[in-house]
Amino acid sequence: MHSDEEFVQALRAPALAARIADFVAVQRWYRSKARPRTSAAAEDVITFTANDECVALILLRIGFEDGGSEVYAVPLRFDTGADPSASVLIDALGAPAFGSAMLDLARSSTEVFGQDGSLVGSRIEQAPGALDADHLEPGLLAVEQTNSMVRYGMRVLGKFFRSVDDGENIELEIGRFFSTLSRPPPVPALFGAVSHRLGDRERTLLIFSEFVPHDRTGFDFVCDELALAIERFRDAGAPDGVRLATFVELVAQRTAELHVALSSAPGHPGFEPEPFDDEHRRLMLERAEARLLRLTAALPRVQADPPLAERIGAFVRGSGRVGDRLRALLSAPFYVARIRCHGDYHLGQLLYTGNDVVVVDFEGEPARPARERREKRTPFADVASMLRSFDYAFETVLRRTPARETLDIAPHVERLRHELEGRFLRAYLDAVRGTRFVPSDPSELFRLLEACLLDKCLYEISYELDHRPSWLLVPLAGLERLTSAQAGA
């Protein structure tokens, strides 16, 4: 049997750190699949033991060939009587020893020490008693995301951040802000958190919030309703989108409430609305042009499909159509405010309760650095992201439709998609009319929205190249529709 000290030292061995890095690199939540790794080292190890089960929380820093690095929080189960270097690596997030220890830390607001750092729990006083309820046994939820979910009974949801950045997590920061509002938007209540402290650095590992019972996500609802509409098409000759229309107008209303709340606290640190000034306009264009350069460099990765590579190249290579159009769109000022936004807003971030939707996951797009995700932006970036999400939902259903039926139904589905996107945009604009973040000039408004849509399509192409090449045609078709609509205007 190892002593505690021997066990911890074995967990910090370079060979085991390399094995853990290999384990991390094949997980769904690993951020940097396209970046060659050069190093891996445990920054801290904290152990929990219950009923002869040992769980080690390892803060692993992975270094990359480009000079950057990322830190991952990795809870693993080990047999305390065996050599850790020879153990099978088993994710321990759902293990009772770990889940219960994390909940105890938050509700008691206490601290537990590891070899070099500590875990610090905190609770949100605006929700007294939520973490003290009975029957809060932990259970891992089978949800594929860039983070992991543990449900505690039917009251509390624990969100564990696999990739952790220095400072307070953006979702925790925004959740604290919402908890100060007299009229919070449609989001789960925040209950508490656990952070890792190492020297003067603190990183959020886990957030506890209200568990929202729901039928499905907004994405699943749209896919299910569209599939039913296609079924009805076989009988009636046209897809019936009445329930979808009602749903997207509800989503538009809740989106407006979210943005109004995020812009509602002048003077609040980090949430003060700011002007969309020339500097931000320049920064938005610089980032888009940098993305175009990276996409140009990535074109050889689709060389096995020359027509696809040529289609992408027509947009991104040199002074391609997207670059020219973005420069034109961003050449004139926008007389609006920038605010904190959701940052990764799509149908999958909505929980459908049967008669309403609740917005979740405020971390922002995982491929963007934390500093950029925390910046104030135009809320039309969220609007553009939601519009693009409808495109993905419709494509998902078409891919499930037998090929022989797709040619017949596709034009009708395309008209329905266009109608629903229009309904969403009109309902949103009606709900936010007169706010500081909406241009009063319609031409300025649609110029801003188009710039956000183009930027989102570029982000999606970059993401799909790294993660799902088979989906590249979806954002590419979106780019082609945007540019052809402009050419025909």
Protein backbone atom coordinates (compact mmCIF):
# COMPACT_ATOMS: atom_id res chain seq x y z
CA MET A 1 0.00 0.00 0.00
CA HIS A 2 1.39 3.40 -0.94
CA SER A 3 1.55 6.21 1.58
CA ASP A 4 -0.39 9.34 0.63
CA GLU A 5 2.85 11.17 -0.17
CA GLU A 6 4.15 8.34 -2.36
CA PHE A 7 0.84 8.14 -4.16
CA VAL A 8 0.79 11.88 -4.92
CA GLN A 9 4.40 11.84 -6.09
CA ALA A 10 3.62 8.93 -8.41
CA LEU A 11 0.71 10.92 -9.85
CA ARG A 12 3.07 13.79 -10.65
CA ALA A 13 5.59 11.64 -12.50
CA PRO A 14 6.34 12.89 -16.06
CA ALA A 15 5.48 9.52 -17.60
CA LEU A 16 2.01 9.53 -16.03
CA ALA A 17 1.48 13.17 -17.03
CA ALA A 18 2.17 12.15 -20.63
CA ARG A 19 -0.35 9.29 -20.35
CA ILE A 20 -2.97 11.63 -18.92
CA ALA A 21 -2.31 14.08 -21.77
CA ASP A 22 -2.93 11.24 -24.25
CA PHE A 23 -6.18 10.47 -22.41
CA VAL A 24 -7.25 14.14 -22.49
CA ALA A 25 -6.41 14.55 -26.19
CA VAL A 26 -9.04 12.02 -27.33
CA GLN A 27 -11.90 13.46 -25.25
CA ARG A 28 -14.79 15.42 -26.75
CA TRP A 29 -13.98 18.39 -24.49
CA TYR A 30 -10.35 18.73 -25.58
CA ARG A 31 -9.95 22.13 -27.27
CA SER A 32 -6.84 21.84 -29.40
CA LYS A 33 -7.01 18.73 -31.54
CA ALA A 34 -5.22 20.46 -34.43
CA ARG A 35 -2.23 21.70 -32.33
CA PRO A 36 0.82 19.39 -31.93
CA ARG A 37 1.63 18.76 -28.25
CA THR A 38 5.16 19.12 -26.91
CA SER A 39 4.83 18.76 -23.12
CA ALA A 40 2.57 17.81 -20.22
CA ALA A 41 3.06 18.42 -16.51
CA ALA A 42 0.87 18.24 -13.40
CA GLU A 43 0.64 21.68 -11.79
CA ASP A 44 -1.20 20.35 -8.77
CA VAL A 45 -2.71 17.13 -7.42
CA ILE A 46 -5.53 16.96 -4.85
CA THR A 47 -6.80 13.58 -3.65
CA PHE A 48 -10.14 12.45 -2.18
CA THR A 49 -10.72 9.06 -0.60
CA ALA A 50 -14.02 7.43 0.37
CA ASN A 51 -14.91 3.73 0.78
CA ASP A 52 -11.44 2.62 -0.40
CA GLU A 53 -11.91 4.62 -3.60
CA CYS A 54 -9.26 7.20 -4.40
CA VAL A 55 -9.96 10.09 -6.77
CA ALA A 56 -7.17 12.41 -7.82
CA LEU A 57 -7.96 15.82 -9.28
CA ILE A 58 -5.02 16.67 -11.51
CA LEU A 59 -4.42 20.16 -12.92
CA LEU A 60 -2.53 19.29 -16.10
CA ARG A 61 -0.77 21.88 -18.23
CA ILE A 62 -0.31 20.83 -21.86
CA GLY A 63 2.24 22.72 -23.98
CA PHE A 64 2.03 23.12 -27.74
CA GLU A 65 4.45 23.46 -30.61
CA ASP A 66 3.32 27.05 -31.24
CA GLY A 67 4.47 28.06 -27.75
CA GLY A 68 1.04 28.24 -26.12
CA SER A 69 -0.38 26.04 -23.40
CA GLU A 70 -3.70 25.05 -21.81
CA VAL A 71 -4.65 23.76 -18.37
CA TYR A 72 -7.11 20.87 -17.97
CA ALA A 73 -8.81 19.76 -14.76
CA VAL A 74 -8.83 15.95 -14.84
CA PRO A 75 -10.46 13.89 -12.06
CA LEU A 76 -9.31 10.26 -12.32
CA ARG A 77 -9.97 7.11 -10.31
CA PHE A 78 -7.09 4.95 -9.07
CA ASP A 79 -6.61 1.85 -6.98
CA THR A 80 -4.61 3.14 -4.01
CA GLY A 81 -2.87 -0.21 -3.66
CA ALA A 82 -1.56 -0.24 -7.23
CA ASP A 83 1.12 1.67 -9.06
CA PRO A 84 -0.64 4.71 -10.63
CA SER A 85 1.68 4.60 -13.65
CA ALA A 86 0.25 1.17 -14.50
CA SER A 87 -3.39 1.97 -13.71
CA VAL A 88 -6.15 2.23 -16.27
CA LEU A 89 -7.21 5.88 -16.48
CA ILE A 90 -10.91 6.21 -15.60
CA ASP A 91 -12.76 9.52 -15.57
CA ALA A 92 -13.97 10.06 -12.00
CA LEU A 93 -16.25 13.06 -12.41
CA GLY A 94 -19.34 11.00 -11.57
CA ALA A 95 -17.70 9.12 -8.70
CA PRO A 96 -19.48 9.75 -5.36
CA ALA A 97 -16.16 10.49 -3.62
CA PHE A 98 -15.51 13.39 -5.99
CA GLY A 99 -19.02 14.71 -6.64
CA SER A 100 -19.96 14.81 -2.96
CA ALA A 101 -16.66 16.44 -1.98
CA MET A 102 -17.20 19.24 -4.50
CA LEU A 103 -20.75 19.89 -3.27
CA ASP A 104 -19.59 19.94 0.37
CA LEU A 105 -16.91 22.49 -0.49
CA ALA A 106 -19.39 24.87 -2.10
CA ARG A 107 -22.12 24.68 0.52
CA SER A 108 -19.66 25.06 3.42
CA SER A 109 -17.54 27.73 1.65
CA THR A 110 -14.42 25.95 2.87
CA GLU A 111 -10.98 25.18 1.46
CA VAL A 112 -9.10 21.92 0.96
CA PHE A 113 -5.38 21.81 0.20
CA GLY A 114 -3.45 19.83 -2.37
CA GLN A 115 0.28 19.52 -2.86
CA ASP A 116 0.79 23.05 -4.20
CA GLY A 117 -2.60 24.73 -4.32
CA SER A 118 -6.10 24.42 -2.90
CA LEU A 119 -9.76 24.09 -3.81
CA VAL A 120 -12.00 26.89 -2.55
CA GLY A 121 -15.78 26.60 -2.31
CA SER A 122 -18.27 29.46 -2.30
CA ARG A 123 -22.04 29.81 -2.25
CA ILE A 124 -24.28 32.51 -3.66
CA GLU A 125 -26.34 34.11 -0.92
CA GLN A 126 -29.14 35.10 -3.32
CA ALA A 127 -30.12 31.40 -3.34
CA PRO A 128 -30.05 30.39 0.35
CA GLY A 129 -30.67 26.76 1.15
CA ALA A 130 -30.47 25.43 -2.40
CA LEU A 131 -27.28 23.48 -1.72
CA ASP A 132 -28.58 22.21 1.63
CA ALA A 133 -31.55 20.28 0.26
CA ASP A 134 -31.92 16.55 0.87
CA HIS A 135 -31.29 13.88 -1.75
CA LEU A 136 -28.49 15.61 -3.68
CA GLU A 137 -26.65 12.46 -4.69
CA PRO A 138 -24.36 13.12 -7.70
CA GLY A 139 -24.88 11.46 -11.05
CA LEU A 140 -22.98 12.13 -14.28
CA LEU A 141 -25.13 13.25 -17.22
CA ALA A 142 -24.32 11.82 -20.63
CA VAL A 143 -24.09 15.15 -22.45
CA GLU A 144 -21.44 15.73 -25.12
CA GLN A 145 -20.09 19.24 -24.62
CA THR A 146 -16.83 21.07 -24.01
CA ASN A 147 -17.61 20.73 -20.30
CA SER A 148 -19.27 18.02 -18.21
CA MET A 149 -22.50 17.93 -16.20
CA VAL A 150 -23.27 16.30 -12.86
CA ARG A 151 -26.85 16.35 -11.61
CA TYR A 152 -27.42 16.41 -7.87
CA GLY A 153 -30.85 14.95 -7.33
CA MET A 154 -33.52 17.01 -9.10
CA ARG A 155 -32.50 20.39 -7.68
CA VAL A 156 -28.89 21.19 -8.54
CA LEU A 157 -26.72 20.95 -11.64
CA GLY A 158 -22.94 20.94 -11.38
CA LYS A 159 -21.06 22.13 -14.44
CA PHE A 160 -17.42 21.03 -14.45
CA PHE A 161 -15.03 22.94 -16.68
CA ARG A 162 -12.50 20.61 -18.25
CA SER A 163 -10.38 23.34 -19.82
CA VAL A 164 -9.74 26.10 -17.27
CA ASP A 165 -8.49 29.64 -17.75
CA ASP A 166 -6.93 31.97 -15.22
CA GLY A 167 -9.41 34.16 -13.40
CA GLU A 168 -13.11 33.80 -12.74
CA ASN A 169 -14.94 31.78 -15.37
CA ILE A 170 -17.06 33.94 -17.68
CA GLU A 171 -20.22 31.97 -16.92
CA LEU A 172 -19.70 32.45 -13.18
CA GLU A 173 -19.08 36.17 -13.70
CA ILE A 174 -22.26 36.59 -15.75
CA GLY A 175 -24.24 34.42 -13.33
CA ARG A 176 -23.19 36.64 -10.43
CA PHE A 177 -24.29 39.67 -12.44
CA PHE A 178 -27.72 38.16 -13.17
CA SER A 179 -28.16 37.34 -9.47
CA THR A 180 -27.97 41.07 -8.65
CA LEU A 181 -30.82 42.04 -11.00
CA SER A 182 -34.36 42.56 -9.76
CA ARG A 183 -35.66 41.12 -13.05
CA PRO A 184 -33.17 38.48 -14.22
CA PRO A 185 -33.49 37.06 -17.73
CA PRO A 186 -34.61 33.45 -18.44
CA VAL A 187 -31.51 31.69 -17.07
CA PRO A 188 -30.95 29.11 -14.29
CA ALA A 189 -30.30 30.53 -10.80
CA LEU A 190 -26.68 30.39 -9.62
CA PHE A 191 -26.02 28.56 -6.32
CA GLY A 192 -22.26 28.29 -5.83
CA ALA A 193 -18.84 27.41 -7.23
CA VAL A 194 -15.52 25.66 -6.62
CA SER A 195 -12.25 27.22 -7.75
CA HIS A 196 -8.62 26.14 -7.76
CA ARG A 197 -6.16 28.55 -6.15
CA LEU A 198 -2.44 28.38 -6.94
CA GLY A 199 -0.36 31.27 -5.66
CA ASP A 200 -2.10 34.46 -6.78
CA ARG A 201 -4.00 32.67 -9.57
CA GLU A 202 -7.54 31.37 -9.24
CA ARG A 203 -9.41 29.29 -11.79
CA THR A 204 -13.08 28.30 -11.73
CA LEU A 205 -13.51 24.52 -11.91
CA LEU A 206 -17.17 23.95 -11.10
CA ILE A 207 -20.39 25.96 -11.00
CA PHE A 208 -23.54 24.87 -9.17
CA SER A 209 -26.80 26.18 -10.56
CA GLU A 210 -30.49 25.40 -10.71
CA PHE A 211 -31.37 22.16 -12.48
CA VAL A 212 -34.06 23.03 -15.04
CA PRO A 213 -36.34 20.09 -15.91
CA HIS A 214 -36.81 20.16 -19.66
CA ASP A 215 -38.12 18.05 -22.52
CA ARG A 216 -35.17 18.64 -24.83
CA THR A 217 -32.89 21.35 -26.15
CA GLY A 218 -34.09 23.97 -28.59
CA PHE A 219 -32.05 22.25 -31.29
CA ASP A 220 -33.80 18.94 -30.67
CA PHE A 221 -37.19 20.67 -30.65
CA VAL A 222 -36.58 22.31 -34.04
CA CYS A 223 -35.26 19.06 -35.53
CA ASP A 224 -38.22 17.07 -34.18
CA GLU A 225 -40.80 19.60 -35.40
CA LEU A 226 -39.17 19.86 -38.81
CA ALA A 227 -39.19 16.08 -39.16
CA LEU A 228 -42.92 16.11 -38.34
CA ALA A 229 -43.46 18.90 -40.87
CA ILE A 230 -41.78 16.76 -43.51
CA GLU A 231 -44.02 13.85 -42.59
CA ARG A 232 -47.07 16.09 -43.05
CA PHE A 233 -45.68 17.19 -46.40
CA ARG A 234 -46.24 13.68 -47.72
CA ASP A 235 -49.96 14.09 -46.98
CA ALA A 236 -50.61 17.80 -47.53
CA GLY A 237 -48.00 18.71 -50.15
CA ALA A 238 -46.31 21.45 -48.07
CA PRO A 239 -44.52 21.44 -44.71
CA ASP A 240 -46.60 22.86 -41.85
CA GLY A 241 -44.40 25.09 -39.68
CA VAL A 242 -46.97 26.58 -37.30
CA ARG A 243 -45.43 25.17 -34.10
CA LEU A 244 -41.96 26.09 -35.34
CA ALA A 245 -43.09 29.66 -36.03
CA THR A 246 -44.49 29.98 -32.51
CA PHE A 247 -41.29 28.57 -31.07
CA VAL A 248 -38.88 30.87 -32.93
CA GLU A 249 -40.92 33.93 -31.91
CA LEU A 250 -40.66 32.77 -28.28
CA VAL A 251 -36.89 32.35 -28.71
CA ALA A 252 -36.68 35.85 -30.18
CA GLN A 253 -38.53 37.30 -27.18
CA ARG A 254 -36.28 35.51 -24.68
CA THR A 255 -33.20 36.58 -26.65
CA ALA A 256 -34.33 40.19 -26.44
CA GLU A 257 -34.88 39.86 -22.68
CA LEU A 258 -31.39 38.45 -22.30
CA HIS A 259 -29.77 41.34 -24.17
CA VAL A 260 -31.83 43.97 -22.37
CA ALA A 261 -30.73 42.46 -19.03
CA LEU A 262 -27.07 42.43 -20.10
CA SER A 263 -27.32 46.12 -20.99
CA SER A 264 -29.35 47.15 -17.95
CA ALA A 265 -26.70 48.03 -15.36
CA PRO A 266 -24.71 51.15 -16.29
CA GLY A 267 -21.87 51.57 -13.85
CA HIS A 268 -21.62 47.85 -13.02
CA PRO A 269 -17.95 46.79 -13.42
CA GLY A 270 -17.50 44.71 -16.55
CA PHE A 271 -21.08 45.28 -17.78
CA GLU A 272 -21.09 48.98 -18.60
CA PRO A 273 -22.27 49.43 -22.23
CA GLU A 274 -19.63 50.99 -24.47
CA PRO A 275 -19.79 52.64 -27.90
CA PHE A 276 -19.09 50.62 -31.03
CA ASP A 277 -16.14 52.88 -31.80
CA ASP A 278 -13.64 52.94 -34.66
CA GLU A 279 -11.14 50.89 -32.63
CA HIS A 280 -13.61 48.04 -32.19
CA ARG A 281 -14.55 48.22 -35.87
CA ARG A 282 -10.87 47.93 -36.78
CA LEU A 283 -10.38 45.05 -34.34
CA MET A 284 -13.37 43.15 -35.74
CA LEU A 285 -11.96 43.47 -39.27
CA GLU A 286 -8.42 42.50 -38.21
CA ARG A 287 -9.69 39.33 -36.55
CA ALA A 288 -11.77 38.39 -39.58
CA GLU A 289 -8.80 38.93 -41.89
CA ALA A 290 -6.59 36.83 -39.60
CA ARG A 291 -9.17 34.05 -39.77
CA LEU A 292 -9.17 34.30 -43.58
CA LEU A 293 -5.38 33.89 -43.59
CA ARG A 294 -5.57 30.83 -41.32
CA LEU A 295 -8.26 29.31 -43.53
CA THR A 296 -6.14 29.93 -46.62
CA ALA A 297 -3.25 28.11 -44.95
CA ALA A 298 -5.60 25.24 -44.02
CA LEU A 299 -6.87 24.65 -47.58
CA PRO A 300 -4.39 21.79 -48.23
CA ARG A 301 -6.28 19.81 -45.59
CA VAL A 302 -9.25 19.51 -47.97
CA GLN A 303 -7.15 18.75 -51.06
CA ALA A 304 -8.77 15.30 -51.28
CA ASP A 305 -11.90 17.16 -52.41
CA PRO A 306 -10.69 19.68 -55.03
CA PRO A 307 -14.16 21.15 -55.79
CA LEU A 308 -14.71 21.85 -52.08
CA ALA A 309 -11.24 23.36 -51.72
CA GLU A 310 -11.90 25.59 -54.71
CA ARG A 311 -15.25 26.77 -53.32
CA ILE A 312 -13.68 27.67 -49.97
CA GLY A 313 -10.69 29.25 -51.69
CA ALA A 314 -12.92 31.55 -53.73
CA PHE A 315 -14.03 33.15 -50.45
CA VAL A 316 -10.87 33.18 -48.35
CA ARG A 317 -7.87 33.30 -50.69
CA GLY A 318 -6.18 36.68 -51.19
CA SER A 319 -8.76 39.43 -51.61
CA GLY A 320 -11.57 36.87 -51.75
CA ARG A 321 -15.21 37.82 -51.76
CA VAL A 322 -15.65 37.59 -47.99
CA GLY A 323 -12.69 39.81 -47.21
CA ASP A 324 -13.80 42.44 -49.71
CA ARG A 325 -17.34 42.39 -48.39
CA LEU A 326 -16.28 42.63 -44.73
CA ARG A 327 -14.04 45.58 -45.51
CA ALA A 328 -16.97 47.33 -47.20
CA LEU A 329 -19.37 46.56 -44.35
CA LEU A 330 -16.94 47.77 -41.68
CA SER A 331 -15.74 50.87 -43.53
CA ALA A 332 -18.37 53.17 -41.99
CA PRO A 333 -19.21 53.82 -38.31
CA PHE A 334 -21.94 52.12 -36.27
CA TYR A 335 -23.79 54.44 -33.89
CA VAL A 336 -24.73 51.83 -31.30
CA ALA A 337 -23.58 50.44 -27.97
CA ARG A 338 -21.62 47.26 -27.37
CA ILE A 339 -22.64 45.06 -24.44
CA ARG A 340 -21.70 41.75 -22.85
CA CYS A 341 -23.30 38.95 -24.85
CA HIS A 342 -23.91 35.23 -24.60
CA GLY A 343 -21.05 34.62 -27.02
CA ASP A 344 -21.96 31.14 -28.27
CA TYR A 345 -25.68 31.48 -28.82
CA HIS A 346 -27.42 28.68 -30.66
CA LEU A 347 -30.42 26.38 -30.35
CA GLY A 348 -28.45 23.85 -28.33
CA GLN A 349 -28.02 26.48 -25.57
CA LEU A 350 -31.79 26.62 -25.01
CA LEU A 351 -33.64 24.24 -22.71
CA TYR A 352 -37.25 23.72 -23.82
CA THR A 353 -39.48 23.15 -20.79
CA GLY A 354 -42.63 22.36 -22.74
CA ASN A 355 -43.96 25.91 -22.80
CA ASP A 356 -40.89 28.13 -22.43
CA VAL A 357 -37.13 28.26 -23.02
CA VAL A 358 -34.26 28.84 -20.58
CA VAL A 359 -30.85 30.06 -21.79
CA VAL A 360 -27.72 28.23 -20.57
CA ASP A 361 -23.94 28.07 -21.16
CA PHE A 362 -22.44 31.57 -21.11
CA GLU A 363 -18.79 30.61 -21.63
CA GLY A 364 -18.59 31.88 -25.22
CA GLU A 365 -17.16 30.16 -28.29
CA PRO A 366 -14.52 27.69 -27.05
CA ALA A 367 -12.09 28.42 -29.90
CA ARG A 368 -11.82 32.10 -28.92
CA PRO A 369 -9.44 33.13 -26.08
CA ALA A 370 -11.05 34.07 -22.76
CA ARG A 371 -10.05 37.74 -23.14
CA GLU A 372 -11.91 37.97 -26.44
CA ARG A 373 -14.94 36.08 -25.12
CA ARG A 374 -15.21 38.60 -22.28
CA GLU A 375 -15.23 41.62 -24.58
CA LYS A 376 -18.35 43.68 -25.17
CA ARG A 377 -19.79 43.08 -28.62
CA THR A 378 -22.82 43.92 -30.62
CA PRO A 379 -25.68 41.60 -29.59
CA PHE A 380 -26.23 41.06 -33.31
CA ALA A 381 -23.34 38.60 -32.99
CA ASP A 382 -25.70 36.46 -30.86
CA VAL A 383 -28.54 37.05 -33.32
CA ALA A 384 -26.33 35.94 -36.24
CA SER A 385 -25.24 32.86 -34.31
CA MET A 386 -28.86 31.86 -33.67
CA LEU A 387 -29.77 32.37 -37.34
CA ARG A 388 -26.88 30.12 -38.33
CA SER A 389 -28.11 27.53 -35.83
CA PHE A 390 -31.42 27.22 -37.71
CA ASP A 391 -29.36 26.36 -40.79
CA TYR A 392 -27.59 23.54 -38.92
CA ALA A 393 -30.87 22.17 -37.55
CA PHE A 394 -32.47 22.07 -41.00
CA GLU A 395 -29.38 20.43 -42.50
CA THR A 396 -29.41 17.82 -39.72
CA VAL A 397 -32.98 16.81 -40.60
CA LEU A 398 -32.31 16.77 -44.33
CA ARG A 399 -29.37 14.43 -43.75
CA ARG A 400 -31.70 12.06 -41.93
CA THR A 401 -34.20 12.14 -44.79
CA PRO A 402 -33.92 9.34 -47.39
CA ALA A 403 -31.99 10.57 -50.42
CA ARG A 404 -34.84 9.86 -52.82
CA GLU A 405 -37.09 12.27 -50.88
CA THR A 406 -34.55 15.04 -50.33
CA LEU A 407 -34.81 16.49 -53.85
CA ASP A 408 -38.60 16.79 -53.54
CA ILE A 409 -38.66 18.30 -50.06
CA ALA A 410 -35.52 20.49 -50.11
CA PRO A 411 -37.06 23.56 -51.85
CA HIS A 412 -40.02 23.57 -49.43
CA VAL A 413 -37.71 23.17 -46.44
CA GLU A 414 -35.54 26.02 -47.71
CA ARG A 415 -38.58 28.31 -47.93
CA LEU A 416 -39.60 27.31 -44.40
CA ARG A 417 -36.11 28.01 -43.07
CA HIS A 418 -36.13 31.44 -44.71
CA GLU A 419 -39.58 32.19 -43.26
CA LEU A 420 -38.58 31.15 -39.73
CA GLU A 421 -35.36 33.16 -39.82
CA GLY A 422 -37.41 36.19 -40.89
CA ARG A 423 -39.89 35.63 -38.07
CA PHE A 424 -37.09 35.37 -35.52
CA LEU A 425 -35.43 38.56 -36.70
CA ARG A 426 -38.66 40.57 -36.89
CA ALA A 427 -39.80 39.44 -33.43
CA TYR A 428 -36.39 40.22 -31.94
CA LEU A 429 -36.26 43.71 -33.49
CA ASP A 430 -39.79 44.47 -32.29
CA ALA A 431 -38.78 43.51 -28.73
CA VAL A 432 -35.54 45.59 -28.62
CA ARG A 433 -36.72 48.64 -30.54
CA GLY A 434 -35.40 51.84 -28.96
CA THR A 435 -32.52 50.24 -27.04
CA ARG A 436 -29.00 51.63 -27.24
CA PHE A 437 -27.60 48.57 -28.98
CA VAL A 438 -29.91 48.64 -32.04
CA PRO A 439 -29.11 51.06 -34.91
CA SER A 440 -31.94 53.46 -35.66
CA ASP A 441 -30.99 53.45 -39.36
CA PRO A 442 -32.21 50.20 -41.03
CA SER A 443 -29.32 50.19 -43.51
CA GLU A 444 -26.83 50.40 -40.64
CA LEU A 445 -28.67 47.62 -38.81
CA PHE A 446 -28.50 45.19 -41.74
CA ARG A 447 -24.89 46.14 -42.45
CA LEU A 448 -24.01 45.20 -38.88
CA LEU A 449 -26.01 41.95 -39.03
CA GLU A 450 -24.41 40.92 -42.32
CA ALA A 451 -20.91 41.53 -40.94
CA CYS A 452 -21.76 39.32 -37.95
CA LEU A 453 -23.18 36.59 -40.19
CA LEU A 454 -20.08 36.55 -42.39
CA ASP A 455 -17.81 36.43 -39.34
CA LYS A 456 -19.82 33.55 -37.87
CA CYS A 457 -19.64 31.56 -41.12
CA LEU A 458 -15.86 31.97 -41.15
CA TYR A 459 -15.70 30.76 -37.54
CA GLU A 460 -17.83 27.73 -38.46
CA ILE A 461 -15.63 26.81 -41.43
CA SER A 462 -12.56 26.96 -39.19
CA TYR A 463 -14.29 24.86 -36.51
CA GLU A 464 -15.53 22.24 -38.97
CA LEU A 465 -12.09 21.92 -40.56
CA ASP A 466 -10.69 21.03 -37.13
CA HIS A 467 -13.54 18.92 -35.78
CA ARG A 468 -16.17 17.84 -38.37
CA PRO A 469 -14.98 18.12 -41.99
CA SER A 470 -18.15 16.40 -43.20
CA TRP A 471 -20.12 19.50 -42.12
CA LEU A 472 -18.02 22.05 -44.02
CA LEU A 473 -20.70 22.42 -46.68
CA VAL A 474 -23.13 23.97 -44.17
CA PRO A 475 -21.21 27.20 -43.39
CA LEU A 476 -19.92 27.28 -46.97
CA ALA A 477 -23.49 27.28 -48.29
CA GLY A 478 -24.27 30.04 -45.80
CA LEU A 479 -21.45 32.16 -47.19
CA GLU A 480 -22.64 31.55 -50.72
CA ARG A 481 -26.19 32.61 -49.87
CA LEU A 482 -24.97 35.79 -48.18
CA THR A 483 -22.72 36.84 -51.04
CA SER A 484 -25.23 35.92 -53.75
CA ALA A 485 -27.96 37.87 -51.97
CA GLN A 486 -25.67 40.89 -51.87
CA ALA A 487 -24.80 40.49 -55.54
CA GLY A 488 -28.49 40.41 -56.40
CA ALA A 489 -29.36 43.41 -54.19
